[in-house]
């Protein structure tokens, strides 16, 4: 497995990580816990060392799953988790809002340490920027956790560029996690330039466009009511039909490379910058192996230019998230 360092932090991870959210939440009914424990351990055997979870996934159950599965390889893997939603730490009840008050961050850290069965959280992201708490206070709270040995690295998820700069001035940010793929390229405007300037790693979530770029979704696909895509504008029947031109392009490029659409989508991300580490999520071994196969796909400068030229002529339909969720991003 190839390794990458997240920016200038020195934190080394596998070139492709694994997003664990869908094992427990947001993509339909949760998968079988025993099967997922075996799956996570198989991912380690395949060379994956970077795993992404959050207290909000469940809540709590995804952290518990990841903690139990990876306990035997503690110290050999990097586990990222997140704070920032207003979730009762006793009951798991959500208010629907955000909470990045320093005292809450510290309480979440203690709870996550127990669920993950670790002595220190490798990478602790603010899940969404809380407009009611200055980012300097958030960074300061994480800085104290780092000094106490309870956290190793600080990250931000879906922040705006100036928030990154302000946070980084208080506590160096190791990684920014935001949605980024050929299906959504919003990070290119401000986030990628600032992380490159500051020497921060970038971790794209939904690097396969929440499954769309695999080519396995079409206008007849039906999503379970517990699958977040059932309410996402970009996954409406009309939008899917309109956006298939992008999948057709990936198929065309893949045919010339002996690769699948998903492998081309991931190879495109991997080719952009060495400090970009995608975290595609899956619960299926054959999909994990397909994703890892992207590491062997070489896209030349000419290939990348051709993809950019072709995608510039494709107009994608539908917002990437419901309006309420979009309001929590880019702050």
C-alpha atoms as a PDB file:
ATOM      1  CA  UNK A   1       0.000   0.000   0.000  1.00  0.00           C
ATOM      2  CA  UNK A   2       1.281   3.433  -0.907  1.00  0.00           C
ATOM      3  CA  UNK A   3       1.528   5.941   1.946  1.00  0.00           C
ATOM      4  CA  UNK A   4       0.951   9.682   1.994  1.00  0.00           C
ATOM      5  CA  UNK A   5       1.588  12.402   4.536  1.00  0.00           C
ATOM      6  CA  UNK A   6      -1.234  14.804   5.318  1.00  0.00           C
ATOM      7  CA  UNK A   7       0.397  18.100   4.434  1.00  0.00           C
ATOM      8  CA  UNK A   8       3.374  19.136   6.545  1.00  0.00           C
ATOM      9  CA  UNK A   9       2.030  17.519   9.701  1.00  0.00           C
ATOM     10  CA  UNK A  10       4.049  14.335   9.407  1.00  0.00           C
ATOM     11  CA  UNK A  11       0.901  12.230   9.897  1.00  0.00           C
ATOM     12  CA  UNK A  12       1.370   9.310   7.511  1.00  0.00           C
ATOM     13  CA  UNK A  13      -1.632   7.324   6.280  1.00  0.00           C
ATOM     14  CA  UNK A  14      -2.463   4.888   3.515  1.00  0.00           C
ATOM     15  CA  UNK A  15      -2.936   6.651   0.167  1.00  0.00           C
ATOM     16  CA  UNK A  16      -6.578   5.620   0.258  1.00  0.00           C
ATOM     17  CA  UNK A  17      -8.549   5.612   3.492  1.00  0.00           C
ATOM     18  CA  UNK A  18     -11.894   4.082   4.398  1.00  0.00           C
ATOM     19  CA  UNK A  19     -14.989   6.050   5.329  1.00  0.00           C
ATOM     20  CA  UNK A  20     -16.945   4.052   7.896  1.00  0.00           C
ATOM     21  CA  UNK A  21     -20.176   6.070   8.209  1.00  0.00           C
ATOM     22  CA  UNK A  22     -22.234   3.915   5.850  1.00  0.00           C
ATOM     23  CA  UNK A  23     -21.630   0.833   7.968  1.00  0.00           C
ATOM     24  CA  UNK A  24     -23.899   2.272  10.648  1.00  0.00           C
ATOM     25  CA  UNK A  25     -25.887   5.224   9.323  1.00  0.00           C
ATOM     26  CA  UNK A  26     -27.151   7.409   6.496  1.00  0.00           C
ATOM     27  CA  UNK A  27     -26.981   4.873   3.665  1.00  0.00           C
ATOM     28  CA  UNK A  28     -29.966   2.757   4.618  1.00  0.00           C
ATOM     29  CA  UNK A  29     -30.227   0.158   7.410  1.00  0.00           C
ATOM     30  CA  UNK A  30     -27.036  -0.521   9.353  1.00  0.00           C
ATOM     31  CA  UNK A  31     -24.933  -3.453   8.241  1.00  0.00           C
ATOM     32  CA  UNK A  32     -24.385  -6.480  10.475  1.00  0.00           C
ATOM     33  CA  UNK A  33     -21.886  -5.562  13.199  1.00  0.00           C
ATOM     34  CA  UNK A  34     -20.008  -8.866  13.110  1.00  0.00           C
ATOM     35  CA  UNK A  35     -19.640  -8.686   9.354  1.00  0.00           C
ATOM     36  CA  UNK A  36     -18.369  -5.122   9.554  1.00  0.00           C
ATOM     37  CA  UNK A  37     -15.801  -6.017  12.222  1.00  0.00           C
ATOM     38  CA  UNK A  38     -14.445  -8.685   9.893  1.00  0.00           C
ATOM     39  CA  UNK A  39     -14.590  -6.269   6.974  1.00  0.00           C
ATOM     40  CA  UNK A  40     -12.629  -3.579   8.810  1.00  0.00           C
ATOM     41  CA  UNK A  41      -9.965  -6.077   9.810  1.00  0.00           C
ATOM     42  CA  UNK A  42      -9.754  -7.273   6.209  1.00  0.00           C
ATOM     43  CA  UNK A  43      -9.232  -3.667   5.118  1.00  0.00           C
ATOM     44  CA  UNK A  44      -6.243  -3.505   7.475  1.00  0.00           C
ATOM     45  CA  UNK A  45      -4.923  -6.729   5.946  1.00  0.00           C
ATOM     46  CA  UNK A  46      -5.220  -5.083   2.505  1.00  0.00           C
ATOM     47  CA  UNK A  47      -3.044  -2.205   3.697  1.00  0.00           C
ATOM     48  CA  UNK A  48      -5.595   0.443   4.706  1.00  0.00           C
ATOM     49  CA  UNK A  49      -4.364   2.371   7.747  1.00  0.00           C
ATOM     50  CA  UNK A  50      -6.687   5.413   7.696  1.00  0.00           C
ATOM     51  CA  UNK A  51     -10.243   5.080   9.019  1.00  0.00           C
ATOM     52  CA  UNK A  52     -12.878   7.787   9.342  1.00  0.00           C
ATOM     53  CA  UNK A  53     -15.744   7.836  11.841  1.00  0.00           C
ATOM     54  CA  UNK A  54     -17.667  10.332  14.022  1.00  0.00           C
ATOM     55  CA  UNK A  55     -19.734  10.436  17.193  1.00  0.00           C
ATOM     56  CA  UNK A  56     -22.685  11.567  15.043  1.00  0.00           C
ATOM     57  CA  UNK A  57     -22.764   8.366  13.001  1.00  0.00           C
ATOM     58  CA  UNK A  58     -25.464   6.469  14.813  1.00  0.00           C
ATOM     59  CA  UNK A  59     -24.932   8.381  17.088  1.00  0.00           C
ATOM     60  CA  UNK A  60     -22.058   6.603  18.787  1.00  0.00           C
ATOM     61  CA  UNK A  61     -22.464   3.126  17.273  1.00  0.00           C
ATOM     62  CA  UNK A  62     -20.022   3.698  14.430  1.00  0.00           C
ATOM     63  CA  UNK A  63     -17.262   4.759  16.808  1.00  0.00           C
ATOM     64  CA  UNK A  64     -17.986   1.678  18.921  1.00  0.00           C
ATOM     65  CA  UNK A  65     -17.798  -0.538  15.841  1.00  0.00           C
ATOM     66  CA  UNK A  66     -14.521   0.968  14.663  1.00  0.00           C
ATOM     67  CA  UNK A  67     -13.067   0.827  18.157  1.00  0.00           C
ATOM     68  CA  UNK A  68     -13.877  -2.851  18.611  1.00  0.00           C
ATOM     69  CA  UNK A  69     -12.745  -3.837  15.123  1.00  0.00           C
ATOM     70  CA  UNK A  70      -9.416  -2.030  15.253  1.00  0.00           C
ATOM     71  CA  UNK A  71      -8.500  -2.707  18.879  1.00  0.00           C
ATOM     72  CA  UNK A  72      -6.175  -5.597  17.870  1.00  0.00           C
ATOM     73  CA  UNK A  73      -4.177  -3.277  15.576  1.00  0.00           C
ATOM     74  CA  UNK A  74      -4.069  -0.270  17.899  1.00  0.00           C
ATOM     75  CA  UNK A  75      -1.040   1.854  17.086  1.00  0.00           C
ATOM     76  CA  UNK A  76      -0.777   0.534  13.534  1.00  0.00           C
ATOM     77  CA  UNK A  77      -3.711   2.513  12.166  1.00  0.00           C
ATOM     78  CA  UNK A  78      -4.895   6.124  12.182  1.00  0.00           C
ATOM     79  CA  UNK A  79      -8.487   6.718  13.266  1.00  0.00           C
ATOM     80  CA  UNK A  80     -10.159  10.074  12.669  1.00  0.00           C
ATOM     81  CA  UNK A  81     -13.328  11.068  14.486  1.00  0.00           C
ATOM     82  CA  UNK A  82     -15.350  14.264  14.864  1.00  0.00           C
ATOM     83  CA  UNK A  83     -17.100  16.580  17.303  1.00  0.00           C
ATOM     84  CA  UNK A  84     -19.420  19.507  16.809  1.00  0.00           C
ATOM     85  CA  UNK A  85     -23.053  18.421  16.803  1.00  0.00           C
ATOM     86  CA  UNK A  86     -25.308  18.987  19.801  1.00  0.00           C
ATOM     87  CA  UNK A  87     -25.728  15.384  20.929  1.00  0.00           C
ATOM     88  CA  UNK A  88     -26.527  14.360  24.503  1.00  0.00           C
ATOM     89  CA  UNK A  89     -23.541  12.262  25.560  1.00  0.00           C
ATOM     90  CA  UNK A  90     -25.689  10.070  27.804  1.00  0.00           C
ATOM     91  CA  UNK A  91     -28.716   9.385  25.623  1.00  0.00           C
ATOM     92  CA  UNK A  92     -27.462  10.093  22.100  1.00  0.00           C
ATOM     93  CA  UNK A  93     -30.407  12.430  21.568  1.00  0.00           C
ATOM     94  CA  UNK A  94     -29.756  15.123  18.954  1.00  0.00           C
ATOM     95  CA  UNK A  95     -31.015  18.684  19.150  1.00  0.00           C
ATOM     96  CA  UNK A  96     -30.481  19.149  15.431  1.00  0.00           C
ATOM     97  CA  UNK A  97     -28.044  21.964  16.098  1.00  0.00           C
ATOM     98  CA  UNK A  98     -24.331  22.474  16.532  1.00  0.00           C
ATOM     99  CA  UNK A  99     -22.247  22.611  19.694  1.00  0.00           C
ATOM    100  CA  UNK A 100     -18.550  23.426  19.641  1.00  0.00           C
ATOM    101  CA  UNK A 101     -18.329  25.034  23.059  1.00  0.00           C
ATOM    102  CA  UNK A 102     -14.911  24.159  24.529  1.00  0.00           C
ATOM    103  CA  UNK A 103     -16.373  22.256  27.489  1.00  0.00           C
ATOM    104  CA  UNK A 104     -18.502  20.163  25.110  1.00  0.00           C
ATOM    105  CA  UNK A 105     -15.521  19.431  22.838  1.00  0.00           C
ATOM    106  CA  UNK A 106     -13.586  18.108  25.822  1.00  0.00           C
ATOM    107  CA  UNK A 107     -16.498  15.958  26.980  1.00  0.00           C
ATOM    108  CA  UNK A 108     -16.915  14.523  23.477  1.00  0.00           C
ATOM    109  CA  UNK A 109     -13.199  13.701  23.372  1.00  0.00           C
ATOM    110  CA  UNK A 110     -13.423  11.730  26.612  1.00  0.00           C
ATOM    111  CA  UNK A 111     -16.442   9.782  25.330  1.00  0.00           C
ATOM    112  CA  UNK A 112     -14.832   9.095  21.943  1.00  0.00           C
ATOM    113  CA  UNK A 113     -11.643   7.837  23.581  1.00  0.00           C
ATOM    114  CA  UNK A 114     -13.686   5.190  25.402  1.00  0.00           C
ATOM    115  CA  UNK A 115     -15.702   4.155  22.363  1.00  0.00           C
ATOM    116  CA  UNK A 116     -12.623   3.956  20.150  1.00  0.00           C
ATOM    117  CA  UNK A 117     -10.699   2.084  22.859  1.00  0.00           C
ATOM    118  CA  UNK A 118      -7.649   4.315  22.475  1.00  0.00           C
ATOM    119  CA  UNK A 119      -5.553   6.536  24.733  1.00  0.00           C
ATOM    120  CA  UNK A 120      -5.324   9.358  22.193  1.00  0.00           C
ATOM    121  CA  UNK A 121      -7.467  10.370  19.198  1.00  0.00           C
ATOM    122  CA  UNK A 122      -5.275  10.411  16.092  1.00  0.00           C
ATOM    123  CA  UNK A 123      -7.218  13.116  14.225  1.00  0.00           C
ATOM    124  CA  UNK A 124     -10.062  15.130  15.766  1.00  0.00           C
ATOM    125  CA  UNK A 125     -12.156  17.117  13.297  1.00  0.00           C
ATOM    126  CA  UNK A 126     -14.721  19.795  13.989  1.00  0.00           C
ATOM    127  CA  UNK A 127     -17.605  18.202  12.061  1.00  0.00           C
ATOM    128  CA  UNK A 128     -19.233  21.494  11.066  1.00  0.00           C
ATOM    129  CA  UNK A 129     -18.277  25.059  11.931  1.00  0.00           C
ATOM    130  CA  UNK A 130     -20.375  26.450  14.794  1.00  0.00           C
ATOM    131  CA  UNK A 131     -21.240  30.103  14.078  1.00  0.00           C
ATOM    132  CA  UNK A 132     -21.916  30.685  17.775  1.00  0.00           C
ATOM    133  CA  UNK A 133     -18.406  29.773  18.923  1.00  0.00           C
ATOM    134  CA  UNK A 134     -15.307  31.640  17.657  1.00  0.00           C
ATOM    135  CA  UNK A 135     -13.070  29.228  15.777  1.00  0.00           C
ATOM    136  CA  UNK A 136     -10.177  30.474  17.908  1.00  0.00           C
ATOM    137  CA  UNK A 137     -11.944  29.038  20.977  1.00  0.00           C
ATOM    138  CA  UNK A 138     -12.476  25.721  19.175  1.00  0.00           C
ATOM    139  CA  UNK A 139      -8.840  25.518  18.111  1.00  0.00           C
ATOM    140  CA  UNK A 140      -7.777  26.488  21.623  1.00  0.00           C
ATOM    141  CA  UNK A 141      -9.821  23.675  23.152  1.00  0.00           C
ATOM    142  CA  UNK A 142      -8.274  21.128  20.795  1.00  0.00           C
ATOM    143  CA  UNK A 143      -4.841  22.592  21.513  1.00  0.00           C
ATOM    144  CA  UNK A 144      -5.402  21.872  25.212  1.00  0.00           C
ATOM    145  CA  UNK A 145      -6.467  18.308  24.382  1.00  0.00           C
ATOM    146  CA  UNK A 146      -3.288  17.874  22.329  1.00  0.00           C
ATOM    147  CA  UNK A 147      -1.161  19.178  25.202  1.00  0.00           C
ATOM    148  CA  UNK A 148      -2.925  16.725  27.516  1.00  0.00           C
ATOM    149  CA  UNK A 149      -2.086  13.846  25.159  1.00  0.00           C
ATOM    150  CA  UNK A 150      -5.739  13.053  24.445  1.00  0.00           C
ATOM    151  CA  UNK A 151      -5.624  14.193  20.799  1.00  0.00           C
ATOM    152  CA  UNK A 152      -2.735  14.086  18.319  1.00  0.00           C
ATOM    153  CA  UNK A 153      -3.958  16.150  15.369  1.00  0.00           C
ATOM    154  CA  UNK A 154      -6.621  18.792  14.676  1.00  0.00           C
ATOM    155  CA  UNK A 155      -8.886  18.888  11.623  1.00  0.00           C
ATOM    156  CA  UNK A 156     -11.848  20.782  10.209  1.00  0.00           C
ATOM    157  CA  UNK A 157     -14.712  19.461   8.086  1.00  0.00           C
ATOM    158  CA  UNK A 158     -16.481  21.620   5.480  1.00  0.00           C
ATOM    159  CA  UNK A 159     -15.022  24.947   6.683  1.00  0.00           C
ATOM    160  CA  UNK A 160     -14.662  28.195   4.787  1.00  0.00           C
ATOM    161  CA  UNK A 161     -11.200  29.432   3.813  1.00  0.00           C
ATOM    162  CA  UNK A 162     -10.947  32.204   6.411  1.00  0.00           C
ATOM    163  CA  UNK A 163     -12.037  29.812   9.156  1.00  0.00           C
ATOM    164  CA  UNK A 164      -9.139  27.560   8.179  1.00  0.00           C
ATOM    165  CA  UNK A 165      -6.688  30.441   8.359  1.00  0.00           C
ATOM    166  CA  UNK A 166      -7.946  31.638  11.748  1.00  0.00           C
ATOM    167  CA  UNK A 167      -7.948  28.145  13.266  1.00  0.00           C
ATOM    168  CA  UNK A 168      -4.496  27.346  11.910  1.00  0.00           C
ATOM    169  CA  UNK A 169      -3.074  30.445  13.595  1.00  0.00           C
ATOM    170  CA  UNK A 170      -4.086  29.051  17.002  1.00  0.00           C
ATOM    171  CA  UNK A 171      -3.460  25.327  16.504  1.00  0.00           C
ATOM    172  CA  UNK A 172      -1.899  23.972  13.301  1.00  0.00           C
ATOM    173  CA  UNK A 173      -4.534  22.144  11.274  1.00  0.00           C
ATOM    174  CA  UNK A 174      -3.425  18.745   9.993  1.00  0.00           C
ATOM    175  CA  UNK A 175      -6.300  18.022   7.614  1.00  0.00           C
ATOM    176  CA  UNK A 176      -9.388  19.528   6.034  1.00  0.00           C
ATOM    177  CA  UNK A 177     -12.180  17.113   5.167  1.00  0.00           C
ATOM    178  CA  UNK A 178     -14.731  18.310   2.614  1.00  0.00           C
ATOM    179  CA  UNK A 179     -16.729  16.818  -0.205  1.00  0.00           C
ATOM    180  CA  UNK A 180     -14.693  16.694  -3.405  1.00  0.00           C
ATOM    181  CA  UNK A 181     -14.944  14.622  -6.552  1.00  0.00           C
ATOM    182  CA  UNK A 182     -15.683  14.975 -10.241  1.00  0.00           C
ATOM    183  CA  UNK A 183     -19.313  15.129  -9.069  1.00  0.00           C
ATOM    184  CA  UNK A 184     -18.667  18.151  -6.818  1.00  0.00           C
ATOM    185  CA  UNK A 185     -15.631  20.401  -7.277  1.00  0.00           C
ATOM    186  CA  UNK A 186     -16.506  23.295  -4.967  1.00  0.00           C
ATOM    187  CA  UNK A 187     -13.302  22.869  -2.944  1.00  0.00           C
ATOM    188  CA  UNK A 188     -11.225  24.043  -5.878  1.00  0.00           C
ATOM    189  CA  UNK A 189     -12.239  27.699  -5.522  1.00  0.00           C
ATOM    190  CA  UNK A 190     -10.829  28.514  -2.075  1.00  0.00           C
ATOM    191  CA  UNK A 191     -10.133  25.436   0.049  1.00  0.00           C
ATOM    192  CA  UNK A 192      -7.508  23.663  -2.062  1.00  0.00           C
ATOM    193  CA  UNK A 193      -5.470  26.859  -2.519  1.00  0.00           C
ATOM    194  CA  UNK A 194      -5.418  27.653   1.199  1.00  0.00           C
ATOM    195  CA  UNK A 195      -4.533  24.123   2.329  1.00  0.00           C
ATOM    196  CA  UNK A 196      -1.682  24.101  -0.183  1.00  0.00           C
ATOM    197  CA  UNK A 197      -0.488  27.495   1.068  1.00  0.00           C
ATOM    198  CA  UNK A 198      -0.595  26.418   4.725  1.00  0.00           C
ATOM    199  CA  UNK A 199       0.710  22.878   4.252  1.00  0.00           C
ATOM    200  CA  UNK A 200      -2.499  21.139   5.328  1.00  0.00           C
ATOM    201  CA  UNK A 201      -3.653  17.732   4.074  1.00  0.00           C
ATOM    202  CA  UNK A 202      -6.955  17.373   2.262  1.00  0.00           C
ATOM    203  CA  UNK A 203      -9.309  14.431   2.788  1.00  0.00           C
ATOM    204  CA  UNK A 204     -12.161  14.273   0.244  1.00  0.00           C
ATOM    205  CA  UNK A 205     -15.289  12.557   1.501  1.00  0.00           C
ATOM    206  CA  UNK A 206     -17.795  11.199  -1.015  1.00  0.00           C
ATOM    207  CA  UNK A 207     -14.950  10.873  -3.558  1.00  0.00           C
ATOM    208  CA  UNK A 208     -17.273   8.667  -5.610  1.00  0.00           C
ATOM    209  CA  UNK A 209     -20.128  11.147  -5.442  1.00  0.00           C
ATOM    210  CA  UNK A 210     -22.028   9.115  -2.810  1.00  0.00           C
ATOM    211  CA  UNK A 211     -21.953   6.164  -5.200  1.00  0.00           C
ATOM    212  CA  UNK A 212     -22.992   7.988  -8.364  1.00  0.00           C
ATOM    213  CA  UNK A 213     -19.558   7.780  -9.995  1.00  0.00           C
ATOM    214  CA  UNK A 214     -19.475   3.987  -9.670  1.00  0.00           C
ATOM    215  CA  UNK A 215     -21.951   3.761 -12.533  1.00  0.00           C
ATOM    216  CA  UNK A 216     -24.235   1.522 -10.491  1.00  0.00           C
ATOM    217  CA  UNK A 217     -26.946   4.169 -10.000  1.00  0.00           C
ATOM    218  CA  UNK A 218     -29.489   5.176 -12.634  1.00  0.00           C
ATOM    219  CA  UNK A 219     -32.833   6.977 -12.777  1.00  0.00           C
ATOM    220  CA  UNK A 220     -34.635   3.791 -11.718  1.00  0.00           C
ATOM    221  CA  UNK A 221     -32.604   3.398  -8.516  1.00  0.00           C
ATOM    222  CA  UNK A 222     -34.768   3.566  -5.393  1.00  0.00           C
ATOM    223  CA  UNK A 223     -33.234   4.704  -2.106  1.00  0.00           C
ATOM    224  CA  UNK A 224     -34.421   3.530   1.304  1.00  0.00           C
ATOM    225  CA  UNK A 225     -36.065   6.249   3.414  1.00  0.00           C
ATOM    226  CA  UNK A 226     -33.138   5.989   5.857  1.00  0.00           C
ATOM    227  CA  UNK A 227     -30.676   6.676   3.016  1.00  0.00           C
ATOM    228  CA  UNK A 228     -29.784  10.385   2.926  1.00  0.00           C
ATOM    229  CA  UNK A 229     -29.721  10.305  -0.871  1.00  0.00           C
ATOM    230  CA  UNK A 230     -33.512   9.906  -0.843  1.00  0.00           C
ATOM    231  CA  UNK A 231     -33.778  13.646  -0.058  1.00  0.00           C
ATOM    232  CA  UNK A 232     -30.739  14.957  -1.950  1.00  0.00           C
ATOM    233  CA  UNK A 233     -31.640  17.038  -5.021  1.00  0.00           C
ATOM    234  CA  UNK A 234     -28.726  15.634  -7.018  1.00  0.00           C
ATOM    235  CA  UNK A 235     -30.185  12.155  -6.592  1.00  0.00           C
ATOM    236  CA  UNK A 236     -33.656  12.975  -7.859  1.00  0.00           C
ATOM    237  CA  UNK A 237     -34.726  10.879 -10.822  1.00  0.00           C
ATOM    238  CA  UNK A 238     -34.453  13.860 -13.185  1.00  0.00           C
ATOM    239  CA  UNK A 239     -31.016  14.921 -11.946  1.00  0.00           C
ATOM    240  CA  UNK A 240     -29.611  11.398 -12.160  1.00  0.00           C
ATOM    241  CA  UNK A 241     -30.765  11.112 -15.746  1.00  0.00           C
ATOM    242  CA  UNK A 242     -29.249  14.490 -16.636  1.00  0.00           C
ATOM    243  CA  UNK A 243     -25.955  13.756 -14.882  1.00  0.00           C
ATOM    244  CA  UNK A 244     -25.280  10.391 -16.522  1.00  0.00           C
ATOM    245  CA  UNK A 245     -23.061  12.171 -19.057  1.00  0.00           C
ATOM    246  CA  UNK A 246     -20.372  12.326 -16.348  1.00  0.00           C
ATOM    247  CA  UNK A 247     -20.545   8.573 -15.731  1.00  0.00           C
ATOM    248  CA  UNK A 248     -20.419   7.956 -19.476  1.00  0.00           C
ATOM    249  CA  UNK A 249     -17.199   9.978 -19.612  1.00  0.00           C
ATOM    250  CA  UNK A 250     -15.654   7.903 -16.814  1.00  0.00           C
ATOM    251  CA  UNK A 251     -16.651   4.713 -18.615  1.00  0.00           C
ATOM    252  CA  UNK A 252     -14.977   5.970 -21.784  1.00  0.00           C
ATOM    253  CA  UNK A 253     -11.740   6.861 -20.014  1.00  0.00           C
ATOM    254  CA  UNK A 254     -11.871   3.598 -18.063  1.00  0.00           C
ATOM    255  CA  UNK A 255     -12.251   1.533 -21.207  1.00  0.00           C
ATOM    256  CA  UNK A 256      -8.944   2.903 -22.480  1.00  0.00           C
ATOM    257  CA  UNK A 257      -7.214   2.232 -19.149  1.00  0.00           C
ATOM    258  CA  UNK A 258      -8.750  -1.145 -18.322  1.00  0.00           C
ATOM    259  CA  UNK A 259     -10.387   0.441 -15.277  1.00  0.00           C
ATOM    260  CA  UNK A 260     -13.882   0.931 -13.874  1.00  0.00           C
ATOM    261  CA  UNK A 261     -15.596   4.341 -13.606  1.00  0.00           C
ATOM    262  CA  UNK A 262     -14.979   4.307  -9.838  1.00  0.00           C
ATOM    263  CA  UNK A 263     -11.282   3.636 -10.331  1.00  0.00           C
ATOM    264  CA  UNK A 264     -10.966   6.520 -12.783  1.00  0.00           C
ATOM    265  CA  UNK A 265     -12.812   8.849 -10.379  1.00  0.00           C
ATOM    266  CA  UNK A 266     -10.440   7.950  -7.532  1.00  0.00           C
ATOM    267  CA  UNK A 267      -7.334   7.997  -9.735  1.00  0.00           C
ATOM    268  CA  UNK A 268      -8.298  11.513 -10.829  1.00  0.00           C
ATOM    269  CA  UNK A 269      -8.299  12.662  -7.201  1.00  0.00           C
ATOM    270  CA  UNK A 270      -5.074  10.853  -6.367  1.00  0.00           C
ATOM    271  CA  UNK A 271      -3.330  12.435  -9.352  1.00  0.00           C
ATOM    272  CA  UNK A 272      -4.191  15.993  -8.402  1.00  0.00           C
ATOM    273  CA  UNK A 273      -1.979  16.506  -5.342  1.00  0.00           C
ATOM    274  CA  UNK A 274       0.148  14.184  -3.180  1.00  0.00           C
ATOM    275  CA  UNK A 275      -1.485  15.521  -0.008  1.00  0.00           C
ATOM    276  CA  UNK A 276      -4.995  14.504  -1.094  1.00  0.00           C
ATOM    277  CA  UNK A 277      -6.175  11.283   0.580  1.00  0.00           C
ATOM    278  CA  UNK A 278      -9.698  10.169  -0.433  1.00  0.00           C
ATOM    279  CA  UNK A 279     -11.832   8.118   1.966  1.00  0.00           C
ATOM    280  CA  UNK A 280     -14.374   6.189  -0.119  1.00  0.00           C
ATOM    281  CA  UNK A 281     -16.860   4.302   2.016  1.00  0.00           C
ATOM    282  CA  UNK A 282     -18.151   0.818   1.369  1.00  0.00           C
ATOM    283  CA  UNK A 283     -19.404  -2.256   3.205  1.00  0.00           C
ATOM    284  CA  UNK A 284     -18.487  -4.728   0.450  1.00  0.00           C
ATOM    285  CA  UNK A 285     -15.138  -6.429   0.011  1.00  0.00           C
ATOM    286  CA  UNK A 286     -15.290  -6.436  -3.791  1.00  0.00           C
ATOM    287  CA  UNK A 287     -15.892  -2.690  -3.744  1.00  0.00           C
ATOM    288  CA  UNK A 288     -12.962  -2.157  -1.356  1.00  0.00           C
ATOM    289  CA  UNK A 289     -10.719  -4.131  -3.683  1.00  0.00           C
ATOM    290  CA  UNK A 290     -12.027  -2.206  -6.691  1.00  0.00           C
ATOM    291  CA  UNK A 291     -11.282   1.080  -4.924  1.00  0.00           C
ATOM    292  CA  UNK A 292      -7.787  -0.026  -3.946  1.00  0.00           C
ATOM    293  CA  UNK A 293      -7.230  -0.932  -7.583  1.00  0.00           C
ATOM    294  CA  UNK A 294      -7.372   2.777  -8.390  1.00  0.00           C
ATOM    295  CA  UNK A 295      -3.892   3.122  -6.906  1.00  0.00           C
ATOM    296  CA  UNK A 296      -2.531   1.219  -9.921  1.00  0.00           C
ATOM    297  CA  UNK A 297      -4.313   3.413 -12.475  1.00  0.00           C
ATOM    298  CA  UNK A 298      -1.983   5.991 -13.976  1.00  0.00           C
ATOM    299  CA  UNK A 299      -3.568   9.096 -15.428  1.00  0.00           C
ATOM    300  CA  UNK A 300      -1.130  11.166 -17.466  1.00  0.00           C
ATOM    301  CA  UNK A 301      -1.162  14.953 -17.666  1.00  0.00           C
ATOM    302  CA  UNK A 302      -2.833  14.560 -21.054  1.00  0.00           C
ATOM    303  CA  UNK A 303      -5.489  12.285 -19.527  1.00  0.00           C
ATOM    304  CA  UNK A 304      -6.187  14.802 -16.769  1.00  0.00           C
ATOM    305  CA  UNK A 305      -6.420  17.673 -19.230  1.00  0.00           C
ATOM    306  CA  UNK A 306      -8.800  15.685 -21.419  1.00  0.00           C
ATOM    307  CA  UNK A 307     -11.012  14.866 -18.410  1.00  0.00           C
ATOM    308  CA  UNK A 308     -11.081  18.518 -17.331  1.00  0.00           C
ATOM    309  CA  UNK A 309     -11.950  19.675 -20.832  1.00  0.00           C
ATOM    310  CA  UNK A 310     -14.728  17.103 -21.148  1.00  0.00           C
ATOM    311  CA  UNK A 311     -16.215  17.783 -17.714  1.00  0.00           C
ATOM    312  CA  UNK A 312     -16.209  21.537 -18.350  1.00  0.00           C
ATOM    313  CA  UNK A 313     -18.809  20.881 -21.044  1.00  0.00           C
ATOM    314  CA  UNK A 314     -21.080  18.927 -18.692  1.00  0.00           C
ATOM    315  CA  UNK A 315     -23.585  20.853 -16.582  1.00  0.00           C
ATOM    316  CA  UNK A 316     -24.497  18.903 -13.456  1.00  0.00           C
ATOM    317  CA  UNK A 317     -28.043  19.212 -12.149  1.00  0.00           C
ATOM    318  CA  UNK A 318     -29.215  19.364  -8.517  1.00  0.00           C
ATOM    319  CA  UNK A 319     -27.664  20.557  -5.252  1.00  0.00           C
ATOM    320  CA  UNK A 320     -25.269  18.180  -3.498  1.00  0.00           C
ATOM    321  CA  UNK A 321     -27.164  18.387  -0.175  1.00  0.00           C
ATOM    322  CA  UNK A 322     -30.593  19.503   1.047  1.00  0.00           C
ATOM    323  CA  UNK A 323     -30.801  23.230   1.772  1.00  0.00           C
ATOM    324  CA  UNK A 324     -30.659  22.820   5.561  1.00  0.00           C
ATOM    325  CA  UNK A 325     -27.444  20.789   5.373  1.00  0.00           C
ATOM    326  CA  UNK A 326     -25.847  23.201   2.905  1.00  0.00           C
ATOM    327  CA  UNK A 327     -26.313  26.034   5.401  1.00  0.00           C
ATOM    328  CA  UNK A 328     -23.904  24.260   7.744  1.00  0.00           C
ATOM    329  CA  UNK A 329     -21.056  24.162   5.203  1.00  0.00           C
ATOM    330  CA  UNK A 330     -18.428  26.642   4.084  1.00  0.00           C
ATOM    331  CA  UNK A 331     -18.619  28.867   7.152  1.00  0.00           C
END
